[in-house]
């Protein structure tokens, strides 16, 4: 086995290592295309003891409270927590409000920014898989050609 043949075999290994390092960047890029961050503030929110509601200007991503990143209250004793979300009215129900009365609530959340383009969300979701399969096939073909030339 000469040095040139060994180099031909190492190229796919190095390419695969680079792809494994760079692939998370591709996933983060796709993720940032799918969602965007929004901050809404509701002033003068009147709550019952323990809970209150606030309306969002954008629909919450996947209609799930998991995408509410932070909720703060102007009342220092409150520890607001996103409890439920109504996707029909875009209203978030909060718990952890310690007293009745008015307060200002601020929520930071993620919303779907692909809903204005039909099918874009589906394409962006599948794109990293398609790229990954293409890269694996390219690395595999390079390894196959390198191995075949090594045997000549």
C-alpha atoms as a PDB file:
ATOM      1  CA  UNK A   1       0.000   0.000   0.000  1.00  0.00           C
ATOM      2  CA  UNK A   2       1.553   3.267  -1.050  1.00  0.00           C
ATOM      3  CA  UNK A   3       1.064   6.685   0.507  1.00  0.00           C
ATOM      4  CA  UNK A   4      -1.215   7.949  -2.309  1.00  0.00           C
ATOM      5  CA  UNK A   5      -3.656   5.097  -1.807  1.00  0.00           C
ATOM      6  CA  UNK A   6      -3.783   5.688   1.940  1.00  0.00           C
ATOM      7  CA  UNK A   7      -4.557   9.342   1.295  1.00  0.00           C
ATOM      8  CA  UNK A   8      -7.460   8.341  -0.942  1.00  0.00           C
ATOM      9  CA  UNK A   9      -8.895   6.287   1.900  1.00  0.00           C
ATOM     10  CA  UNK A  10      -8.456   9.073   4.464  1.00  0.00           C
ATOM     11  CA  UNK A  11     -10.372  11.673   2.429  1.00  0.00           C
ATOM     12  CA  UNK A  12     -13.821  10.171   3.180  1.00  0.00           C
ATOM     13  CA  UNK A  13     -12.954   9.790   6.856  1.00  0.00           C
ATOM     14  CA  UNK A  14     -11.907  13.442   7.094  1.00  0.00           C
ATOM     15  CA  UNK A  15     -14.978  14.542   5.103  1.00  0.00           C
ATOM     16  CA  UNK A  16     -17.277  12.610   7.434  1.00  0.00           C
ATOM     17  CA  UNK A  17     -15.603  14.168  10.500  1.00  0.00           C
ATOM     18  CA  UNK A  18     -16.108  17.660   9.048  1.00  0.00           C
ATOM     19  CA  UNK A  19     -19.750  16.911   8.270  1.00  0.00           C
ATOM     20  CA  UNK A  20     -20.381  15.658  11.802  1.00  0.00           C
ATOM     21  CA  UNK A  21     -18.903  18.878  13.182  1.00  0.00           C
ATOM     22  CA  UNK A  22     -20.816  21.178  10.798  1.00  0.00           C
ATOM     23  CA  UNK A  23     -24.205  19.391  10.810  1.00  0.00           C
ATOM     24  CA  UNK A  24     -25.429  21.018  14.069  1.00  0.00           C
ATOM     25  CA  UNK A  25     -24.974  24.413  12.397  1.00  0.00           C
ATOM     26  CA  UNK A  26     -27.334  23.264   9.635  1.00  0.00           C
ATOM     27  CA  UNK A  27     -29.884  22.146  12.227  1.00  0.00           C
ATOM     28  CA  UNK A  28     -29.667  25.487  14.053  1.00  0.00           C
ATOM     29  CA  UNK A  29     -30.161  27.298  10.751  1.00  0.00           C
ATOM     30  CA  UNK A  30     -33.269  25.276   9.962  1.00  0.00           C
ATOM     31  CA  UNK A  31     -34.520  25.858  13.498  1.00  0.00           C
ATOM     32  CA  UNK A  32     -34.094  29.623  13.178  1.00  0.00           C
ATOM     33  CA  UNK A  33     -36.057  29.587   9.908  1.00  0.00           C
ATOM     34  CA  UNK A  34     -38.968  27.762  11.558  1.00  0.00           C
ATOM     35  CA  UNK A  35     -39.378  29.909  14.671  1.00  0.00           C
ATOM     36  CA  UNK A  36     -38.889  33.460  15.805  1.00  0.00           C
ATOM     37  CA  UNK A  37     -39.036  35.113  19.200  1.00  0.00           C
ATOM     38  CA  UNK A  38     -41.736  37.560  20.278  1.00  0.00           C
ATOM     39  CA  UNK A  39     -42.169  39.584  23.454  1.00  0.00           C
ATOM     40  CA  UNK A  40     -45.658  40.739  24.437  1.00  0.00           C
ATOM     41  CA  UNK A  41     -46.646  42.929  27.369  1.00  0.00           C
ATOM     42  CA  UNK A  42     -50.109  43.110  28.892  1.00  0.00           C
ATOM     43  CA  UNK A  43     -50.673  46.063  31.195  1.00  0.00           C
ATOM     44  CA  UNK A  44     -53.415  46.299  33.762  1.00  0.00           C
ATOM     45  CA  UNK A  45     -53.977  42.550  33.947  1.00  0.00           C
ATOM     46  CA  UNK A  46     -56.514  41.834  36.651  1.00  0.00           C
ATOM     47  CA  UNK A  47     -56.170  38.406  38.144  1.00  0.00           C
ATOM     48  CA  UNK A  48     -57.977  36.153  40.482  1.00  0.00           C
ATOM     49  CA  UNK A  49     -55.870  34.825  43.295  1.00  0.00           C
ATOM     50  CA  UNK A  50     -53.371  32.439  41.773  1.00  0.00           C
ATOM     51  CA  UNK A  51     -54.060  32.841  38.040  1.00  0.00           C
ATOM     52  CA  UNK A  52     -54.518  35.310  35.212  1.00  0.00           C
ATOM     53  CA  UNK A  53     -54.510  35.534  31.430  1.00  0.00           C
ATOM     54  CA  UNK A  54     -52.723  37.481  28.745  1.00  0.00           C
ATOM     55  CA  UNK A  55     -53.285  37.691  24.995  1.00  0.00           C
ATOM     56  CA  UNK A  56     -50.515  37.093  22.450  1.00  0.00           C
ATOM     57  CA  UNK A  57     -50.079  39.014  19.210  1.00  0.00           C
ATOM     58  CA  UNK A  58     -48.680  35.919  17.435  1.00  0.00           C
ATOM     59  CA  UNK A  59     -49.898  32.324  17.779  1.00  0.00           C
ATOM     60  CA  UNK A  60     -47.670  30.297  20.096  1.00  0.00           C
ATOM     61  CA  UNK A  61     -45.476  27.772  18.268  1.00  0.00           C
ATOM     62  CA  UNK A  62     -47.175  24.358  18.124  1.00  0.00           C
ATOM     63  CA  UNK A  63     -49.839  25.702  20.544  1.00  0.00           C
ATOM     64  CA  UNK A  64     -47.637  24.444  23.377  1.00  0.00           C
ATOM     65  CA  UNK A  65     -46.643  26.280  26.571  1.00  0.00           C
ATOM     66  CA  UNK A  66     -43.231  24.625  26.209  1.00  0.00           C
ATOM     67  CA  UNK A  67     -42.368  27.460  23.779  1.00  0.00           C
ATOM     68  CA  UNK A  68     -42.979  30.196  26.355  1.00  0.00           C
ATOM     69  CA  UNK A  69     -39.423  31.035  27.391  1.00  0.00           C
ATOM     70  CA  UNK A  70     -39.986  33.644  30.120  1.00  0.00           C
ATOM     71  CA  UNK A  71     -42.886  35.307  31.925  1.00  0.00           C
ATOM     72  CA  UNK A  72     -42.374  38.204  34.312  1.00  0.00           C
ATOM     73  CA  UNK A  73     -44.736  40.260  36.438  1.00  0.00           C
ATOM     74  CA  UNK A  74     -44.560  43.824  37.748  1.00  0.00           C
ATOM     75  CA  UNK A  75     -45.608  42.467  41.132  1.00  0.00           C
ATOM     76  CA  UNK A  76     -42.490  41.446  42.994  1.00  0.00           C
ATOM     77  CA  UNK A  77     -44.205  38.609  44.836  1.00  0.00           C
ATOM     78  CA  UNK A  78     -45.519  36.875  41.699  1.00  0.00           C
ATOM     79  CA  UNK A  79     -43.776  33.877  40.164  1.00  0.00           C
ATOM     80  CA  UNK A  80     -45.768  33.528  36.941  1.00  0.00           C
ATOM     81  CA  UNK A  81     -45.749  30.182  35.158  1.00  0.00           C
ATOM     82  CA  UNK A  82     -47.334  29.429  31.781  1.00  0.00           C
ATOM     83  CA  UNK A  83     -50.114  26.967  32.497  1.00  0.00           C
ATOM     84  CA  UNK A  84     -52.330  26.524  29.426  1.00  0.00           C
ATOM     85  CA  UNK A  85     -52.708  28.098  26.004  1.00  0.00           C
ATOM     86  CA  UNK A  86     -55.823  28.498  23.882  1.00  0.00           C
ATOM     87  CA  UNK A  87     -54.757  28.462  20.218  1.00  0.00           C
ATOM     88  CA  UNK A  88     -58.149  29.674  19.011  1.00  0.00           C
ATOM     89  CA  UNK A  89     -58.009  32.944  20.947  1.00  0.00           C
ATOM     90  CA  UNK A  90     -54.191  33.151  21.422  1.00  0.00           C
ATOM     91  CA  UNK A  91     -54.634  33.542  25.184  1.00  0.00           C
ATOM     92  CA  UNK A  92     -52.131  32.231  27.724  1.00  0.00           C
ATOM     93  CA  UNK A  93     -53.287  31.284  31.214  1.00  0.00           C
ATOM     94  CA  UNK A  94     -50.732  31.887  33.955  1.00  0.00           C
ATOM     95  CA  UNK A  95     -50.473  30.528  37.467  1.00  0.00           C
ATOM     96  CA  UNK A  96     -48.266  31.698  40.323  1.00  0.00           C
ATOM     97  CA  UNK A  97     -49.854  35.133  40.720  1.00  0.00           C
ATOM     98  CA  UNK A  98     -49.863  35.742  44.457  1.00  0.00           C
ATOM     99  CA  UNK A  99     -52.489  38.444  44.932  1.00  0.00           C
ATOM    100  CA  UNK A 100     -55.608  39.813  43.308  1.00  0.00           C
ATOM    101  CA  UNK A 101     -55.294  43.148  41.577  1.00  0.00           C
ATOM    102  CA  UNK A 102     -53.717  44.640  38.495  1.00  0.00           C
ATOM    103  CA  UNK A 103     -50.191  44.106  37.259  1.00  0.00           C
ATOM    104  CA  UNK A 104     -48.141  44.177  34.061  1.00  0.00           C
ATOM    105  CA  UNK A 105     -47.179  40.822  32.600  1.00  0.00           C
ATOM    106  CA  UNK A 106     -44.431  40.338  30.010  1.00  0.00           C
ATOM    107  CA  UNK A 107     -43.970  37.068  28.134  1.00  0.00           C
ATOM    108  CA  UNK A 108     -41.280  35.996  25.702  1.00  0.00           C
ATOM    109  CA  UNK A 109     -42.283  33.132  23.440  1.00  0.00           C
ATOM    110  CA  UNK A 110     -41.591  31.430  20.125  1.00  0.00           C
ATOM    111  CA  UNK A 111     -43.977  31.592  17.177  1.00  0.00           C
ATOM    112  CA  UNK A 112     -44.097  29.861  13.804  1.00  0.00           C
ATOM    113  CA  UNK A 113     -42.717  32.245  11.208  1.00  0.00           C
ATOM    114  CA  UNK A 114     -43.332  29.909   8.247  1.00  0.00           C
ATOM    115  CA  UNK A 115     -47.128  29.932   8.406  1.00  0.00           C
ATOM    116  CA  UNK A 116     -47.343  32.665   5.749  1.00  0.00           C
ATOM    117  CA  UNK A 117     -45.632  30.387   3.194  1.00  0.00           C
ATOM    118  CA  UNK A 118     -47.568  27.234   2.381  1.00  0.00           C
ATOM    119  CA  UNK A 119     -45.390  24.147   2.822  1.00  0.00           C
ATOM    120  CA  UNK A 120     -42.212  25.990   3.839  1.00  0.00           C
ATOM    121  CA  UNK A 121     -42.281  24.528   7.341  1.00  0.00           C
ATOM    122  CA  UNK A 122     -42.431  20.996   5.952  1.00  0.00           C
ATOM    123  CA  UNK A 123     -39.585  21.612   3.511  1.00  0.00           C
ATOM    124  CA  UNK A 124     -37.371  23.201   6.175  1.00  0.00           C
ATOM    125  CA  UNK A 125     -38.108  20.354   8.570  1.00  0.00           C
ATOM    126  CA  UNK A 126     -37.050  17.682   6.040  1.00  0.00           C
ATOM    127  CA  UNK A 127     -34.137  19.605   4.464  1.00  0.00           C
ATOM    128  CA  UNK A 128     -31.471  18.624   7.061  1.00  0.00           C
ATOM    129  CA  UNK A 129     -32.324  14.946   6.562  1.00  0.00           C
ATOM    130  CA  UNK A 130     -32.032  15.275   2.787  1.00  0.00           C
ATOM    131  CA  UNK A 131     -28.693  17.068   3.141  1.00  0.00           C
ATOM    132  CA  UNK A 132     -27.451  14.446   5.625  1.00  0.00           C
ATOM    133  CA  UNK A 133     -28.403  11.545   3.312  1.00  0.00           C
ATOM    134  CA  UNK A 134     -26.729  13.301   0.367  1.00  0.00           C
ATOM    135  CA  UNK A 135     -23.530  13.853   2.317  1.00  0.00           C
ATOM    136  CA  UNK A 136     -23.438  10.262   3.576  1.00  0.00           C
ATOM    137  CA  UNK A 137     -23.949   9.008   0.028  1.00  0.00           C
ATOM    138  CA  UNK A 138     -21.162  11.296  -1.228  1.00  0.00           C
ATOM    139  CA  UNK A 139     -18.763  10.141   1.485  1.00  0.00           C
ATOM    140  CA  UNK A 140     -19.716   6.519   0.812  1.00  0.00           C
ATOM    141  CA  UNK A 141     -19.118   6.861  -2.921  1.00  0.00           C
ATOM    142  CA  UNK A 142     -15.780   8.561  -2.292  1.00  0.00           C
ATOM    143  CA  UNK A 143     -14.769   5.738   0.044  1.00  0.00           C
ATOM    144  CA  UNK A 144     -15.881   3.129  -2.469  1.00  0.00           C
ATOM    145  CA  UNK A 145     -13.929   4.730  -5.327  1.00  0.00           C
ATOM    146  CA  UNK A 146     -10.885   5.163  -3.078  1.00  0.00           C
ATOM    147  CA  UNK A 147     -11.023   1.535  -1.950  1.00  0.00           C
ATOM    148  CA  UNK A 148     -11.474   0.295  -5.514  1.00  0.00           C
ATOM    149  CA  UNK A 149      -8.452   2.305  -6.686  1.00  0.00           C
ATOM    150  CA  UNK A 150      -6.499   0.981  -3.724  1.00  0.00           C
ATOM    151  CA  UNK A 151      -7.042  -2.586  -4.918  1.00  0.00           C
ATOM    152  CA  UNK A 152      -5.838  -1.802  -8.486  1.00  0.00           C
END
